Amino acid sequence: KPEDTALYYCAADATTISDYYIGAMG
């Protein structure tokens, strides 16, 4: 959709991120 227009970033972390924080950039 047009609203999907964005700069898409790949991110990684060397730990297991809990479900609660899975969407937290930090």
mmCIF file of all heavy atoms, coordinates in Angstrom:
data_MODEL
# 
_entry.id   MODEL 
# 
loop_
_atom_site.group_PDB 
_atom_site.id 
_atom_site.type_symbol 
_atom_site.label_atom_id 
_atom_site.label_alt_id 
_atom_site.label_comp_id 
_atom_site.label_asym_id 
_atom_site.label_entity_id 
_atom_site.label_seq_id 
_atom_site.pdbx_PDB_ins_code 
_atom_site.Cartn_x 
_atom_site.Cartn_y 
_atom_site.Cartn_z 
_atom_site.occupancy 
_atom_site.B_iso_or_equiv 
_atom_site.pdbx_formal_charge 
_atom_site.auth_seq_id 
_atom_site.auth_comp_id 
_atom_site.auth_asym_id 
_atom_site.auth_atom_id 
_atom_site.pdbx_PDB_model_num 
ATOM 1   N N   . LYS A 1 1  ? 0.849  -1.187  0.000  1.00 0.00 ? 1  LYS A N   1 
ATOM 2   C CA  . LYS A 1 1  ? 0.000  0.000   0.000  1.00 0.00 ? 1  LYS A CA  1 
ATOM 3   C C   . LYS A 1 1  ? 0.893  1.249   0.000  1.00 0.00 ? 1  LYS A C   1 
ATOM 4   O O   . LYS A 1 1  ? 2.043  1.184   0.469  1.00 0.00 ? 1  LYS A O   1 
ATOM 5   C CB  . LYS A 1 1  ? -0.872 0.014   1.262  1.00 0.00 ? 1  LYS A CB  1 
ATOM 6   C CG  . LYS A 1 1  ? -1.714 -1.220  1.462  1.00 0.00 ? 1  LYS A CG  1 
ATOM 7   C CD  . LYS A 1 1  ? -2.439 -1.155  2.796  1.00 0.00 ? 1  LYS A CD  1 
ATOM 8   C CE  . LYS A 1 1  ? -3.264 -2.402  3.054  1.00 0.00 ? 1  LYS A CE  1 
ATOM 9   N NZ  . LYS A 1 1  ? -3.959 -2.343  4.364  1.00 0.00 ? 1  LYS A NZ  1 
ATOM 10  N N   . PRO A 1 2  ? 0.378  2.371   -0.457 1.00 0.00 ? 2  PRO A N   1 
ATOM 11  C CA  . PRO A 1 2  ? 1.183  3.604   -0.416 1.00 0.00 ? 2  PRO A CA  1 
ATOM 12  C C   . PRO A 1 2  ? 1.696  3.921   0.988  1.00 0.00 ? 2  PRO A C   1 
ATOM 13  O O   . PRO A 1 2  ? 2.801  4.466   1.137  1.00 0.00 ? 2  PRO A O   1 
ATOM 14  C CB  . PRO A 1 2  ? 0.204  4.660   -0.915 1.00 0.00 ? 2  PRO A CB  1 
ATOM 15  C CG  . PRO A 1 2  ? -0.708 3.915   -1.831 1.00 0.00 ? 2  PRO A CG  1 
ATOM 16  C CD  . PRO A 1 2  ? -0.885 2.570   -1.196 1.00 0.00 ? 2  PRO A CD  1 
ATOM 17  N N   . GLU A 1 3  ? 0.926  3.567   1.995  1.00 0.00 ? 3  GLU A N   1 
ATOM 18  C CA  . GLU A 1 3  ? 1.362  3.845   3.375  1.00 0.00 ? 3  GLU A CA  1 
ATOM 19  C C   . GLU A 1 3  ? 2.502  2.946   3.841  1.00 0.00 ? 3  GLU A C   1 
ATOM 20  O O   . GLU A 1 3  ? 3.043  3.150   4.940  1.00 0.00 ? 3  GLU A O   1 
ATOM 21  C CB  . GLU A 1 3  ? 0.183  3.739   4.355  1.00 0.00 ? 3  GLU A CB  1 
ATOM 22  C CG  . GLU A 1 3  ? -0.629 2.479   4.247  1.00 0.00 ? 3  GLU A CG  1 
ATOM 23  C CD  . GLU A 1 3  ? -1.880 2.671   3.377  1.00 0.00 ? 3  GLU A CD  1 
ATOM 24  O OE1 . GLU A 1 3  ? -1.776 3.293   2.294  1.00 0.00 ? 3  GLU A OE1 1 
ATOM 25  O OE2 . GLU A 1 3  ? -2.946 2.159   3.788  1.00 0.00 ? 3  GLU A OE2 1 
ATOM 26  N N   . ASP A 1 4  ? 2.885  1.970   3.038  1.00 0.00 ? 4  ASP A N   1 
ATOM 27  C CA  . ASP A 1 4  ? 4.062  1.158   3.333  1.00 0.00 ? 4  ASP A CA  1 
ATOM 28  C C   . ASP A 1 4  ? 5.349  1.851   2.874  1.00 0.00 ? 4  ASP A C   1 
ATOM 29  O O   . ASP A 1 4  ? 6.447  1.355   3.157  1.00 0.00 ? 4  ASP A O   1 
ATOM 30  C CB  . ASP A 1 4  ? 3.968  -0.209  2.654  1.00 0.00 ? 4  ASP A CB  1 
ATOM 31  C CG  . ASP A 1 4  ? 2.838  -1.059  3.208  1.00 0.00 ? 4  ASP A CG  1 
ATOM 32  O OD1 . ASP A 1 4  ? 2.653  -1.078  4.445  1.00 0.00 ? 4  ASP A OD1 1 
ATOM 33  O OD2 . ASP A 1 4  ? 2.137  -1.688  2.398  1.00 0.00 ? 4  ASP A OD2 1 
ATOM 34  N N   . THR A 1 5  ? 5.215  2.958   2.183  1.00 0.00 ? 5  THR A N   1 
ATOM 35  C CA  . THR A 1 5  ? 6.392  3.690   1.725  1.00 0.00 ? 5  THR A CA  1 
ATOM 36  C C   . THR A 1 5  ? 7.225  4.141   2.912  1.00 0.00 ? 5  THR A C   1 
ATOM 37  O O   . THR A 1 5  ? 6.721  4.806   3.825  1.00 0.00 ? 5  THR A O   1 
ATOM 38  C CB  . THR A 1 5  ? 5.966  4.921   0.901  1.00 0.00 ? 5  THR A CB  1 
ATOM 39  O OG1 . THR A 1 5  ? 5.327  4.478   -0.295 1.00 0.00 ? 5  THR A OG1 1 
ATOM 40  C CG2 . THR A 1 5  ? 7.173  5.779   0.542  1.00 0.00 ? 5  THR A CG2 1 
ATOM 41  N N   . ALA A 1 6  ? 8.491  3.739   2.918  1.00 0.00 ? 6  ALA A N   1 
ATOM 42  C CA  . ALA A 1 6  ? 9.372  4.042   4.053  1.00 0.00 ? 6  ALA A CA  1 
ATOM 43  C C   . ALA A 1 6  ? 10.778 3.558   3.751  1.00 0.00 ? 6  ALA A C   1 
ATOM 44  O O   . ALA A 1 6  ? 11.000 2.805   2.790  1.00 0.00 ? 6  ALA A O   1 
ATOM 45  C CB  . ALA A 1 6  ? 8.859  3.369   5.319  1.00 0.00 ? 6  ALA A CB  1 
ATOM 46  N N   . LEU A 1 7  ? 11.684 3.971   4.594  1.00 0.00 ? 7  LEU A N   1 
ATOM 47  C CA  . LEU A 1 7  ? 13.029 3.406   4.607  1.00 0.00 ? 7  LEU A CA  1 
ATOM 48  C C   . LEU A 1 7  ? 12.985 2.222   5.562  1.00 0.00 ? 7  LEU A C   1 
ATOM 49  O O   . LEU A 1 7  ? 12.602 2.389   6.724  1.00 0.00 ? 7  LEU A O   1 
ATOM 50  C CB  . LEU A 1 7  ? 14.033 4.456   5.061  1.00 0.00 ? 7  LEU A CB  1 
ATOM 51  C CG  . LEU A 1 7  ? 15.513 4.142   4.925  1.00 0.00 ? 7  LEU A CG  1 
ATOM 52  C CD1 . LEU A 1 7  ? 15.875 3.879   3.464  1.00 0.00 ? 7  LEU A CD1 1 
ATOM 53  C CD2 . LEU A 1 7  ? 16.341 5.310   5.455  1.00 0.00 ? 7  LEU A CD2 1 
ATOM 54  N N   . TYR A 1 8  ? 13.331 1.063   5.056  1.00 0.00 ? 8  TYR A N   1 
ATOM 55  C CA  . TYR A 1 8  ? 13.237 -0.159  5.847  1.00 0.00 ? 8  TYR A CA  1 
ATOM 56  C C   . TYR A 1 8  ? 14.620 -0.537  6.387  1.00 0.00 ? 8  TYR A C   1 
ATOM 57  O O   . TYR A 1 8  ? 15.583 -0.659  5.606  1.00 0.00 ? 8  TYR A O   1 
ATOM 58  C CB  . TYR A 1 8  ? 12.669 -1.297  4.999  1.00 0.00 ? 8  TYR A CB  1 
ATOM 59  C CG  . TYR A 1 8  ? 11.180 -1.208  4.841  1.00 0.00 ? 8  TYR A CG  1 
ATOM 60  C CD1 . TYR A 1 8  ? 10.608 -0.218  4.036  1.00 0.00 ? 8  TYR A CD1 1 
ATOM 61  C CD2 . TYR A 1 8  ? 10.324 -2.073  5.506  1.00 0.00 ? 8  TYR A CD2 1 
ATOM 62  C CE1 . TYR A 1 8  ? 9.234  -0.107  3.906  1.00 0.00 ? 8  TYR A CE1 1 
ATOM 63  C CE2 . TYR A 1 8  ? 8.943  -1.981  5.371  1.00 0.00 ? 8  TYR A CE2 1 
ATOM 64  C CZ  . TYR A 1 8  ? 8.410  -0.993  4.579  1.00 0.00 ? 8  TYR A CZ  1 
ATOM 65  O OH  . TYR A 1 8  ? 7.042  -0.888  4.448  1.00 0.00 ? 8  TYR A OH  1 
ATOM 66  N N   . TYR A 1 9  ? 14.677 -0.747  7.687  1.00 0.00 ? 9  TYR A N   1 
ATOM 67  C CA  . TYR A 1 9  ? 15.927 -1.059  8.363  1.00 0.00 ? 9  TYR A CA  1 
ATOM 68  C C   . TYR A 1 9  ? 15.915 -2.484  8.901  1.00 0.00 ? 9  TYR A C   1 
ATOM 69  O O   . TYR A 1 9  ? 14.926 -2.937  9.483  1.00 0.00 ? 9  TYR A O   1 
ATOM 70  C CB  . TYR A 1 9  ? 16.148 -0.124  9.553  1.00 0.00 ? 9  TYR A CB  1 
ATOM 71  C CG  . TYR A 1 9  ? 16.339 1.321   9.193  1.00 0.00 ? 9  TYR A CG  1 
ATOM 72  C CD1 . TYR A 1 9  ? 15.257 2.191   9.132  1.00 0.00 ? 9  TYR A CD1 1 
ATOM 73  C CD2 . TYR A 1 9  ? 17.612 1.826   8.932  1.00 0.00 ? 9  TYR A CD2 1 
ATOM 74  C CE1 . TYR A 1 9  ? 15.439 3.527   8.826  1.00 0.00 ? 9  TYR A CE1 1 
ATOM 75  C CE2 . TYR A 1 9  ? 17.802 3.162   8.618  1.00 0.00 ? 9  TYR A CE2 1 
ATOM 76  C CZ  . TYR A 1 9  ? 16.709 4.001   8.569  1.00 0.00 ? 9  TYR A CZ  1 
ATOM 77  O OH  . TYR A 1 9  ? 16.889 5.328   8.256  1.00 0.00 ? 9  TYR A OH  1 
ATOM 78  N N   . CYS A 1 10 ? 17.032 -3.121  8.766  1.00 0.00 ? 10 CYS A N   1 
ATOM 79  C CA  . CYS A 1 10 ? 17.282 -4.420  9.366  1.00 0.00 ? 10 CYS A CA  1 
ATOM 80  C C   . CYS A 1 10 ? 17.948 -4.196  10.719 1.00 0.00 ? 10 CYS A C   1 
ATOM 81  O O   . CYS A 1 10 ? 18.813 -3.319  10.844 1.00 0.00 ? 10 CYS A O   1 
ATOM 82  C CB  . CYS A 1 10 ? 18.194 -5.199  8.419  1.00 0.00 ? 10 CYS A CB  1 
ATOM 83  S SG  . CYS A 1 10 ? 18.892 -6.705  9.080  1.00 0.00 ? 10 CYS A SG  1 
ATOM 84  N N   . ALA A 1 11 ? 17.546 -4.960  11.723 1.00 0.00 ? 11 ALA A N   1 
ATOM 85  C CA  . ALA A 1 11 ? 18.130 -4.828  13.061 1.00 0.00 ? 11 ALA A CA  1 
ATOM 86  C C   . ALA A 1 11 ? 18.409 -6.204  13.642 1.00 0.00 ? 11 ALA A C   1 
ATOM 87  O O   . ALA A 1 11 ? 17.720 -7.171  13.311 1.00 0.00 ? 11 ALA A O   1 
ATOM 88  C CB  . ALA A 1 11 ? 17.176 -4.058  13.971 1.00 0.00 ? 11 ALA A CB  1 
ATOM 89  N N   . ALA A 1 12 ? 19.407 -6.249  14.527 1.00 0.00 ? 12 ALA A N   1 
ATOM 90  C CA  . ALA A 1 12 ? 19.780 -7.528  15.124 1.00 0.00 ? 12 ALA A CA  1 
ATOM 91  C C   . ALA A 1 12 ? 20.243 -7.332  16.555 1.00 0.00 ? 12 ALA A C   1 
ATOM 92  O O   . ALA A 1 12 ? 20.755 -6.268  16.916 1.00 0.00 ? 12 ALA A O   1 
ATOM 93  C CB  . ALA A 1 12 ? 20.896 -8.181  14.309 1.00 0.00 ? 12 ALA A CB  1 
ATOM 94  N N   . ASP A 1 13 ? 20.051 -8.386  17.332 1.00 0.00 ? 13 ASP A N   1 
ATOM 95  C CA  . ASP A 1 13 ? 20.580 -8.383  18.689 1.00 0.00 ? 13 ASP A CA  1 
ATOM 96  C C   . ASP A 1 13 ? 21.047 -9.787  19.019 1.00 0.00 ? 13 ASP A C   1 
ATOM 97  O O   . ASP A 1 13 ? 20.393 -10.759 18.633 1.00 0.00 ? 13 ASP A O   1 
ATOM 98  C CB  . ASP A 1 13 ? 19.532 -7.927  19.693 1.00 0.00 ? 13 ASP A CB  1 
ATOM 99  C CG  . ASP A 1 13 ? 20.157 -7.647  21.032 1.00 0.00 ? 13 ASP A CG  1 
ATOM 100 O OD1 . ASP A 1 13 ? 20.783 -6.567  21.165 1.00 0.00 ? 13 ASP A OD1 1 
ATOM 101 O OD2 . ASP A 1 13 ? 20.062 -8.494  21.924 1.00 0.00 ? 13 ASP A OD2 1 
ATOM 102 N N   . ALA A 1 14 ? 22.156 -9.855  19.763 1.00 0.00 ? 14 ALA A N   1 
ATOM 103 C CA  . ALA A 1 14 ? 22.760 -11.151 20.053 1.00 0.00 ? 14 ALA A CA  1 
ATOM 104 C C   . ALA A 1 14 ? 22.096 -11.863 21.223 1.00 0.00 ? 14 ALA A C   1 
ATOM 105 O O   . ALA A 1 14 ? 22.572 -12.919 21.642 1.00 0.00 ? 14 ALA A O   1 
ATOM 106 C CB  . ALA A 1 14 ? 24.254 -10.978 20.326 1.00 0.00 ? 14 ALA A CB  1 
ATOM 107 N N   . THR A 1 15 ? 20.991 -11.327 21.728 1.00 0.00 ? 15 THR A N   1 
ATOM 108 C CA  . THR A 1 15 ? 20.289 -11.957 22.840 1.00 0.00 ? 15 THR A CA  1 
ATOM 109 C C   . THR A 1 15 ? 18.878 -12.343 22.411 1.00 0.00 ? 15 THR A C   1 
ATOM 110 O O   . THR A 1 15 ? 18.392 -11.918 21.364 1.00 0.00 ? 15 THR A O   1 
ATOM 111 C CB  . THR A 1 15 ? 20.202 -11.006 24.033 1.00 0.00 ? 15 THR A CB  1 
ATOM 112 O OG1 . THR A 1 15 ? 19.410 -9.873  23.666 1.00 0.00 ? 15 THR A OG1 1 
ATOM 113 C CG2 . THR A 1 15 ? 21.577 -10.530 24.464 1.00 0.00 ? 15 THR A CG2 1 
ATOM 114 N N   . THR A 1 16 ? 18.232 -13.114 23.245 1.00 0.00 ? 16 THR A N   1 
ATOM 115 C CA  . THR A 1 16 ? 16.817 -13.419 23.040 1.00 0.00 ? 16 THR A CA  1 
ATOM 116 C C   . THR A 1 16 ? 15.999 -12.275 23.617 1.00 0.00 ? 16 THR A C   1 
ATOM 117 O O   . THR A 1 16 ? 16.103 -11.977 24.803 1.00 0.00 ? 16 THR A O   1 
ATOM 118 C CB  . THR A 1 16 ? 16.444 -14.731 23.727 1.00 0.00 ? 16 THR A CB  1 
ATOM 119 O OG1 . THR A 1 16 ? 17.213 -15.789 23.147 1.00 0.00 ? 16 THR A OG1 1 
ATOM 120 C CG2 . THR A 1 16 ? 14.965 -15.024 23.553 1.00 0.00 ? 16 THR A CG2 1 
ATOM 121 N N   . ILE A 1 17 ? 15.209 -11.629 22.796 1.00 0.00 ? 17 ILE A N   1 
ATOM 122 C CA  . ILE A 1 17 ? 14.387 -10.510 23.241 1.00 0.00 ? 17 ILE A CA  1 
ATOM 123 C C   . ILE A 1 17 ? 13.008 -11.044 23.601 1.00 0.00 ? 17 ILE A C   1 
ATOM 124 O O   . ILE A 1 17 ? 12.401 -11.778 22.826 1.00 0.00 ? 17 ILE A O   1 
ATOM 125 C CB  . ILE A 1 17 ? 14.279 -9.443  22.139 1.00 0.00 ? 17 ILE A CB  1 
ATOM 126 C CG1 . ILE A 1 17 ? 15.682 -8.928  21.768 1.00 0.00 ? 17 ILE A CG1 1 
ATOM 127 C CG2 . ILE A 1 17 ? 13.394 -8.288  22.600 1.00 0.00 ? 17 ILE A CG2 1 
ATOM 128 C CD1 . ILE A 1 17 ? 15.689 -7.964  20.605 1.00 0.00 ? 17 ILE A CD1 1 
ATOM 129 N N   . SER A 1 18 ? 12.534 -10.675 24.759 1.00 0.00 ? 18 SER A N   1 
ATOM 130 C CA  . SER A 1 18 ? 11.230 -11.173 25.192 1.00 0.00 ? 18 SER A CA  1 
ATOM 131 C C   . SER A 1 18 ? 10.124 -10.627 24.310 1.00 0.00 ? 18 SER A C   1 
ATOM 132 O O   . SER A 1 18 ? 10.275 -9.593  23.642 1.00 0.00 ? 18 SER A O   1 
ATOM 133 C CB  . SER A 1 18 ? 10.978 -10.776 26.642 1.00 0.00 ? 18 SER A CB  1 
ATOM 134 O OG  . SER A 1 18 ? 10.821 -9.373  26.746 1.00 0.00 ? 18 SER A OG  1 
ATOM 135 N N   . ASP A 1 19 ? 9.003  -11.324 24.344 1.00 0.00 ? 19 ASP A N   1 
ATOM 136 C CA  . ASP A 1 19 ? 7.862  -10.902 23.528 1.00 0.00 ? 19 ASP A CA  1 
ATOM 137 C C   . ASP A 1 19 ? 7.475  -9.460  23.816 1.00 0.00 ? 19 ASP A C   1 
ATOM 138 O O   . ASP A 1 19 ? 7.116  -8.704  22.925 1.00 0.00 ? 19 ASP A O   1 
ATOM 139 C CB  . ASP A 1 19 ? 6.659  -11.808 23.803 1.00 0.00 ? 19 ASP A CB  1 
ATOM 140 C CG  . ASP A 1 19 ? 6.867  -13.215 23.301 1.00 0.00 ? 19 ASP A CG  1 
ATOM 141 O OD1 . ASP A 1 19 ? 7.954  -13.505 22.752 1.00 0.00 ? 19 ASP A OD1 1 
ATOM 142 O OD2 . ASP A 1 19 ? 5.957  -14.037 23.464 1.00 0.00 ? 19 ASP A OD2 1 
ATOM 143 N N   . TYR A 1 20 ? 7.552  -9.087  25.074 1.00 0.00 ? 20 TYR A N   1 
ATOM 144 C CA  . TYR A 1 20 ? 7.115  -7.743  25.469 1.00 0.00 ? 20 TYR A CA  1 
ATOM 145 C C   . TYR A 1 20 ? 7.944  -6.659  24.791 1.00 0.00 ? 20 TYR A C   1 
ATOM 146 O O   . TYR A 1 20 ? 7.426  -5.595  24.464 1.00 0.00 ? 20 TYR A O   1 
ATOM 147 C CB  . TYR A 1 20 ? 7.203  -7.609  26.987 1.00 0.00 ? 20 TYR A CB  1 
ATOM 148 C CG  . TYR A 1 20 ? 6.657  -6.315  27.521 1.00 0.00 ? 20 TYR A CG  1 
ATOM 149 C CD1 . TYR A 1 20 ? 5.286  -6.139  27.716 1.00 0.00 ? 20 TYR A CD1 1 
ATOM 150 C CD2 . TYR A 1 20 ? 7.505  -5.251  27.832 1.00 0.00 ? 20 TYR A CD2 1 
ATOM 151 C CE1 . TYR A 1 20 ? 4.779  -4.946  28.196 1.00 0.00 ? 20 TYR A CE1 1 
ATOM 152 C CE2 . TYR A 1 20 ? 7.011  -4.056  28.308 1.00 0.00 ? 20 TYR A CE2 1 
ATOM 153 C CZ  . TYR A 1 20 ? 5.648  -3.903  28.506 1.00 0.00 ? 20 TYR A CZ  1 
ATOM 154 O OH  . TYR A 1 20 ? 5.152  -2.731  28.977 1.00 0.00 ? 20 TYR A OH  1 
ATOM 155 N N   . TYR A 1 21 ? 9.215  -6.931  24.585 1.00 0.00 ? 21 TYR A N   1 
ATOM 156 C CA  . TYR A 1 21 ? 10.126 -5.907  24.045 1.00 0.00 ? 21 TYR A CA  1 
ATOM 157 C C   . TYR A 1 21 ? 10.502 -6.135  22.591 1.00 0.00 ? 21 TYR A C   1 
ATOM 158 O O   . TYR A 1 21 ? 11.352 -5.424  22.057 1.00 0.00 ? 21 TYR A O   1 
ATOM 159 C CB  . TYR A 1 21 ? 11.402 -5.872  24.882 1.00 0.00 ? 21 TYR A CB  1 
ATOM 160 C CG  . TYR A 1 21 ? 11.193 -5.327  26.271 1.00 0.00 ? 21 TYR A CG  1 
ATOM 161 C CD1 . TYR A 1 21 ? 11.261 -6.168  27.389 1.00 0.00 ? 21 TYR A CD1 1 
ATOM 162 C CD2 . TYR A 1 21 ? 10.922 -3.982  26.473 1.00 0.00 ? 21 TYR A CD2 1 
ATOM 163 C CE1 . TYR A 1 21 ? 11.068 -5.680  28.663 1.00 0.00 ? 21 TYR A CE1 1 
ATOM 164 C CE2 . TYR A 1 21 ? 10.727 -3.476  27.754 1.00 0.00 ? 21 TYR A CE2 1 
ATOM 165 C CZ  . TYR A 1 21 ? 10.798 -4.333  28.838 1.00 0.00 ? 21 TYR A CZ  1 
ATOM 166 O OH  . TYR A 1 21 ? 10.599 -3.834  30.090 1.00 0.00 ? 21 TYR A OH  1 
ATOM 167 N N   . ILE A 1 22 ? 9.866  -7.073  21.937 1.00 0.00 ? 22 ILE A N   1 
ATOM 168 C CA  . ILE A 1 22 ? 10.311 -7.450  20.596 1.00 0.00 ? 22 ILE A CA  1 
ATOM 169 C C   . ILE A 1 22 ? 10.235 -6.289  19.613 1.00 0.00 ? 22 ILE A C   1 
ATOM 170 O O   . ILE A 1 22 ? 10.995 -6.223  18.659 1.00 0.00 ? 22 ILE A O   1 
ATOM 171 C CB  . ILE A 1 22 ? 9.508  -8.662  20.071 1.00 0.00 ? 22 ILE A CB  1 
ATOM 172 C CG1 . ILE A 1 22 ? 10.251 -9.347  18.939 1.00 0.00 ? 22 ILE A CG1 1 
ATOM 173 C CG2 . ILE A 1 22 ? 8.106  -8.244  19.650 1.00 0.00 ? 22 ILE A CG2 1 
ATOM 174 C CD1 . ILE A 1 22 ? 11.529 -10.041 19.383 1.00 0.00 ? 22 ILE A CD1 1 
ATOM 175 N N   . GLY A 1 23 ? 9.346  -5.353  19.845 1.00 0.00 ? 23 GLY A N   1 
ATOM 176 C CA  . GLY A 1 23 ? 9.208  -4.212  18.941 1.00 0.00 ? 23 GLY A CA  1 
ATOM 177 C C   . GLY A 1 23 ? 9.923  -2.963  19.406 1.00 0.00 ? 23 GLY A C   1 
ATOM 178 O O   . GLY A 1 23 ? 9.772  -1.891  18.794 1.00 0.00 ? 23 GLY A O   1 
ATOM 179 N N   . ALA A 1 24 ? 10.734 -3.077  20.434 1.00 0.00 ? 24 ALA A N   1 
ATOM 180 C CA  . ALA A 1 24 ? 11.424 -1.918  21.004 1.00 0.00 ? 24 ALA A CA  1 
ATOM 181 C C   . ALA A 1 24 ? 12.778 -1.728  20.326 1.00 0.00 ? 24 ALA A C   1 
ATOM 182 O O   . ALA A 1 24 ? 13.655 -2.575  20.428 1.00 0.00 ? 24 ALA A O   1 
ATOM 183 C CB  . ALA A 1 24 ? 11.614 -2.117  22.499 1.00 0.00 ? 24 ALA A CB  1 
ATOM 184 N N   . MET A 1 25 ? 12.951 -0.593  19.689 1.00 0.00 ? 25 MET A N   1 
ATOM 185 C CA  . MET A 1 25 ? 14.196 -0.337  18.960 1.00 0.00 ? 25 MET A CA  1 
ATOM 186 C C   . MET A 1 25 ? 15.413 -0.410  19.855 1.00 0.00 ? 25 MET A C   1 
ATOM 187 O O   . MET A 1 25 ? 16.476 -0.870  19.441 1.00 0.00 ? 25 MET A O   1 
ATOM 188 C CB  . MET A 1 25 ? 14.131 1.039   18.307 1.00 0.00 ? 25 MET A CB  1 
ATOM 189 C CG  . MET A 1 25 ? 13.194 1.118   17.123 1.00 0.00 ? 25 MET A CG  1 
ATOM 190 S SD  . MET A 1 25 ? 13.348 2.701   16.286 1.00 0.00 ? 25 MET A SD  1 
ATOM 191 C CE  . MET A 1 25 ? 12.763 3.810   17.537 1.00 0.00 ? 25 MET A CE  1 
ATOM 192 N N   . GLY A 1 26 ? 15.273 0.039   21.085 1.00 0.00 ? 26 GLY A N   1 
ATOM 193 C CA  . GLY A 1 26 ? 16.398 0.077   22.005 1.00 0.00 ? 26 GLY A CA  1 
ATOM 194 C C   . GLY A 1 26 ? 16.947 -1.280  22.374 1.00 0.00 ? 26 GLY A C   1 
ATOM 195 O O   . GLY A 1 26 ? 18.052 -1.384  22.919 1.00 0.00 ? 26 GLY A O   1 
# 
